[in-house]
N, C-alpha and C. Protein backbone atom coordinates (compact mmCIF):
# COMPACT_ATOMS: atom_id res chain seq x y z
N MET A 1 0.90 -1.21 -0.20
CA MET A 1 -0.04 0.08 -0.06
C MET A 1 0.65 1.48 -0.05
N ILE A 2 1.63 1.37 0.75
CA ILE A 2 2.66 2.46 1.02
C ILE A 2 3.40 2.87 -0.48
N SER A 3 4.21 1.50 -1.42
CA SER A 3 4.43 1.78 -2.37
C SER A 3 3.71 2.14 -3.48
N HIS A 4 2.56 1.85 -3.51
CA HIS A 4 1.67 2.41 -4.43
C HIS A 4 1.37 3.64 -4.05
N GLY A 5 1.24 4.31 -2.85
CA GLY A 5 1.06 5.56 -2.62
C GLY A 5 2.28 6.63 -3.18
N CYS A 6 3.13 5.78 -2.81
CA CYS A 6 4.65 6.31 -3.01
C CYS A 6 4.84 7.01 -4.64
N SER A 7 4.76 5.58 -5.42
CA SER A 7 4.84 5.94 -6.89
C SER A 7 3.64 6.64 -7.26
N ARG A 8 2.49 6.69 -6.90
CA ARG A 8 1.34 7.69 -7.56
C ARG A 8 1.78 9.29 -6.88
N PHE A 9 2.30 9.13 -6.20
CA PHE A 9 2.96 10.59 -5.54
C PHE A 9 4.14 11.03 -6.54
N LEU A 10 5.01 10.45 -6.75
CA LEU A 10 6.29 10.83 -7.64
C LEU A 10 5.49 11.24 -8.96
N LYS A 11 4.60 10.21 -9.42
CA LYS A 11 3.84 10.84 -10.76
C LYS A 11 3.16 11.91 -10.86
N GLU A 12 2.50 12.00 -9.94
CA GLU A 12 1.86 13.30 -9.56
C GLU A 12 2.43 14.82 -9.97
N ARG A 13 3.68 14.47 -8.54
CA ARG A 13 4.52 15.57 -8.48
C ARG A 13 5.38 16.11 -9.80
N LEU A 14 6.16 14.83 -10.30
CA LEU A 14 7.08 14.98 -11.46
C LEU A 14 6.17 15.29 -12.82
N PHE A 15 5.08 14.67 -13.14
CA PHE A 15 4.51 14.76 -14.37
C PHE A 15 3.14 15.72 -14.33
N ASP A 16 2.23 15.35 -13.63
CA ASP A 16 0.97 16.00 -13.54
C ASP A 16 0.87 17.29 -13.14
N MET A 17 1.98 17.82 -12.27
CA MET A 17 2.05 19.43 -11.47
C MET A 17 3.03 19.82 -12.24
N SER A 18 3.82 19.25 -12.77
CA SER A 18 4.93 19.82 -13.72
C SER A 18 4.21 20.56 -15.12
N ASP A 19 5.06 20.54 -16.03
CA ASP A 19 4.48 21.04 -17.58
C ASP A 19 4.41 19.85 -18.32
N PRO A 20 3.23 19.19 -18.43
CA PRO A 20 3.44 17.98 -19.55
C PRO A 20 3.78 18.63 -20.78
N TYR A 21 4.20 17.93 -21.78
CA TYR A 21 4.59 18.00 -23.21
C TYR A 21 4.09 16.91 -24.14
N SER A 22 3.61 17.03 -25.06
CA SER A 22 3.26 15.82 -25.96
C SER A 22 4.49 16.00 -27.19
N ILE A 23 4.70 14.75 -27.47
CA ILE A 23 5.70 14.44 -28.46
C ILE A 23 5.14 13.49 -29.44
N ILE A 24 5.63 13.55 -30.60
CA ILE A 24 5.30 12.15 -31.70
C ILE A 24 6.28 11.37 -31.62
N VAL A 25 6.24 10.12 -31.50
CA VAL A 25 7.00 8.83 -31.51
C VAL A 25 6.97 8.09 -32.22
N CYS A 26 8.18 7.52 -33.16
CA CYS A 26 7.83 6.40 -34.04
C CYS A 26 7.54 5.06 -33.41
N ASN A 27 6.85 4.54 -33.76
CA ASN A 27 6.48 3.07 -32.99
C ASN A 27 7.95 2.19 -33.72
N LYS A 28 8.17 2.35 -34.82
CA LYS A 28 9.07 1.41 -35.03
C LYS A 28 10.85 1.93 -34.75
N CYS A 29 11.12 2.64 -34.63
CA CYS A 29 12.78 3.20 -34.17
C CYS A 29 12.37 4.07 -33.01
N GLY A 30 11.42 4.23 -32.72
CA GLY A 30 11.51 5.09 -31.36
C GLY A 30 11.84 6.68 -31.31
N MET A 31 12.27 6.83 -32.34
CA MET A 31 12.67 8.26 -32.55
C MET A 31 11.71 9.64 -32.30
N ILE A 32 11.76 10.33 -31.88
CA ILE A 32 11.15 11.56 -31.87
C ILE A 32 11.03 12.14 -33.41
N THR A 33 9.74 12.29 -33.90
CA THR A 33 9.90 12.90 -35.45
C THR A 33 8.71 14.45 -34.97
N SER A 34 9.13 15.11 -36.04
CA SER A 34 8.44 16.34 -36.04
C SER A 34 7.33 16.41 -37.29
N SER A 35 7.06 15.45 -37.91
CA SER A 35 5.89 14.88 -38.83
C SER A 35 4.93 14.17 -38.41
N GLN A 36 3.84 14.84 -38.42
CA GLN A 36 2.62 13.98 -37.93
C GLN A 36 2.09 12.89 -38.83
N THR A 37 2.61 12.54 -40.03
CA THR A 37 2.15 11.33 -40.92
C THR A 37 3.13 10.40 -41.04
N GLU A 38 4.81 10.69 -41.20
CA GLU A 38 5.76 9.58 -40.97
C GLU A 38 6.96 9.69 -40.23
N CYS A 39 7.71 9.05 -40.02
CA CYS A 39 8.70 9.29 -39.38
C CYS A 39 9.90 9.50 -40.35
N THR A 40 10.54 10.65 -39.97
CA THR A 40 11.61 11.08 -40.81
C THR A 40 13.06 10.64 -40.88
N SER A 41 13.14 9.52 -39.69
CA SER A 41 14.42 8.56 -39.48
C SER A 41 14.20 7.49 -40.81
N CYS A 42 13.29 6.73 -40.40
CA CYS A 42 12.74 5.28 -41.01
C CYS A 42 11.98 5.36 -41.84
N LYS A 43 11.07 6.33 -42.34
CA LYS A 43 10.10 6.86 -43.29
C LYS A 43 8.99 5.46 -42.73
N ASP A 44 8.75 5.35 -41.42
CA ASP A 44 7.51 4.41 -41.39
C ASP A 44 6.51 5.28 -40.97
N ASP A 45 5.03 4.89 -41.26
CA ASP A 45 3.79 5.53 -40.96
C ASP A 45 3.10 5.15 -39.71
N LYS A 46 3.91 4.40 -39.05
CA LYS A 46 3.08 4.11 -37.83
C LYS A 46 3.73 5.06 -36.54
N ILE A 47 2.85 6.06 -36.12
CA ILE A 47 3.80 6.94 -34.82
C ILE A 47 2.46 7.27 -34.15
N THR A 48 2.85 7.41 -32.76
CA THR A 48 2.01 7.67 -31.70
C THR A 48 2.25 8.93 -30.89
N LYS A 49 1.66 9.63 -30.37
CA LYS A 49 1.37 10.97 -29.65
C LYS A 49 1.77 10.45 -28.17
N VAL A 50 2.57 11.11 -27.23
CA VAL A 50 3.15 10.56 -26.01
C VAL A 50 3.26 11.73 -25.17
N ASN A 51 2.94 11.68 -24.23
CA ASN A 51 2.93 12.92 -23.13
C ASN A 51 4.29 12.67 -22.20
N ILE A 52 4.92 13.63 -21.98
CA ILE A 52 6.42 13.33 -21.20
C ILE A 52 6.33 14.67 -20.79
N PRO A 53 7.15 14.74 -19.30
CA PRO A 53 7.34 15.83 -18.72
C PRO A 53 8.38 16.82 -19.68
N TYR A 54 8.28 17.99 -19.52
CA TYR A 54 8.90 18.98 -20.39
C TYR A 54 10.68 18.95 -19.96
N ALA A 55 10.86 18.66 -18.89
CA ALA A 55 12.25 18.47 -18.58
C ALA A 55 12.76 17.14 -19.14
N ALA A 56 11.91 16.13 -19.59
CA ALA A 56 12.88 15.18 -20.42
C ALA A 56 12.70 15.06 -21.52
N LYS A 57 12.02 15.99 -22.16
CA LYS A 57 12.19 16.41 -23.65
C LYS A 57 13.42 17.24 -23.73
N LEU A 58 13.77 18.22 -22.44
CA LEU A 58 14.90 18.83 -22.74
C LEU A 58 16.08 18.20 -22.72
N LEU A 59 16.43 17.13 -21.70
CA LEU A 59 17.02 16.00 -21.71
C LEU A 59 17.45 15.21 -22.73
N ASN A 60 16.40 14.89 -23.26
CA ASN A 60 16.37 14.13 -24.63
C ASN A 60 17.16 15.23 -25.63
N GLN A 61 16.77 16.44 -26.11
CA GLN A 61 17.39 17.36 -26.90
C GLN A 61 19.09 17.60 -26.67
N GLU A 62 19.41 17.44 -25.06
CA GLU A 62 20.77 17.56 -24.82
C GLU A 62 21.65 16.66 -25.23
N LEU A 63 21.13 15.63 -24.82
CA LEU A 63 21.73 14.11 -25.23
C LEU A 63 21.67 13.90 -27.00
N MET A 64 20.83 14.35 -27.54
CA MET A 64 20.99 14.33 -28.96
C MET A 64 22.19 15.27 -29.63
N ALA A 65 21.82 16.15 -29.23
CA ALA A 65 23.16 17.63 -29.43
C ALA A 65 24.53 17.03 -29.37
N MET A 66 24.56 16.15 -28.22
CA MET A 66 25.99 15.45 -27.94
C MET A 66 26.46 14.46 -28.79
N GLY A 67 25.13 13.69 -29.31
CA GLY A 67 25.35 12.37 -30.30
C GLY A 67 25.11 11.47 -30.07
N ILE A 68 24.23 11.47 -28.74
CA ILE A 68 23.51 9.86 -28.22
C ILE A 68 22.34 9.81 -28.65
N LYS A 69 22.11 8.82 -29.27
CA LYS A 69 20.65 8.50 -29.88
C LYS A 69 19.71 7.89 -28.43
N VAL A 70 18.61 8.45 -28.49
CA VAL A 70 17.50 8.15 -27.47
C VAL A 70 16.70 7.80 -28.06
N SER A 71 16.00 6.52 -27.77
CA SER A 71 14.89 5.88 -28.18
C SER A 71 14.21 5.94 -27.14
N ILE A 72 12.70 5.95 -27.50
CA ILE A 72 11.44 5.99 -26.48
C ILE A 72 10.63 4.73 -26.82
N LYS A 73 10.55 3.84 -26.03
CA LYS A 73 9.55 2.75 -26.16
C LYS A 73 8.40 2.84 -25.54
């Protein structure tokens, strides 16, 4: 019971009370894409809209700027 409450509290504080941000992710390669019709990396048309905290988006952008590929599954 305590672990369930703790995980729910962390989700609420780090995601719900923070600034949620929606991104478009390719289902095949896991890369963030800017196009709403197909992935720009693998040219696949299976994409999904995902909600993440804005801080996670910034971390993802900084890692990509350093040359580290980040895939979201």
